[in-house]
């Protein structure tokens, strides 16, 4: 089942073209990556998917809703069906971690304070944080803990869809691989669909089911890692088939 479909997306900033008829689709329950060089419009594309920006042309359908024609009421309902982990967490610095996670529950539900507290601490446990972290402020957390706290907030409303912007950036190698495994575990446990922007080769080779490669204002390759490696586009060649990458992941790209 297709969860997201982007058709002929054109994005312009004044006369500058960022996307020129970009097409891709995301299937239910997969981990889907959007990759590309800096300036290729990855984050812009995510902003368009979560309705923080509008494409100049084209259509985006998410969970059966056409974002181009969606009503304000439907848009609000749709936003509750996804969670977003921004690159640097984007936690509210004046709120504790528990208060950050609780905010959506307090704003959009009528459940009691007691139940909200239970949900908050269940989300902390879900992402591997101990309960004491809920009483801390973002400034008191390590980078890895901020990522997990922000992920707990993204999961607060039990979303069907999870957007992650560079989820492993800034983490040490062990922390990054642990976070990758957490994403897989959450996908399998909760049955959610994950869309992530990443530059992390270990993530691409390790946990991603399918990906779209942005270059030259287009999606130049899409599909499984095996599909993408068949592309002879210069960016794919430079990114995936350089000697360092071929040596490091030789078991997976030995035939390329």
Foldseek 3Di string as FASTA:
>chain_A
DWFKWWFQFWADDVPRTLAGGATDTFDFLFAEEEEEDPSNCPVVVVCCVLVVDPTPDTWMAGRRDTPVPDDPVVSVVVNLQFFEQEPQLPFDQVAQLLCSLLVCVVVPHDDDPVVSSVLSQVLCVLLPHHPVSRRHGPVPDDSLSSLSSSVSSRCSSVHQEYEYEASQPPHDPVSSVVNLVSVVVCSVVSRHYYYYYHLDPCSLVPGGQKYFYGDPSYRQFIGHPVRLCVDPPPVSCVSQVDPVNCVVPVVVPVPD
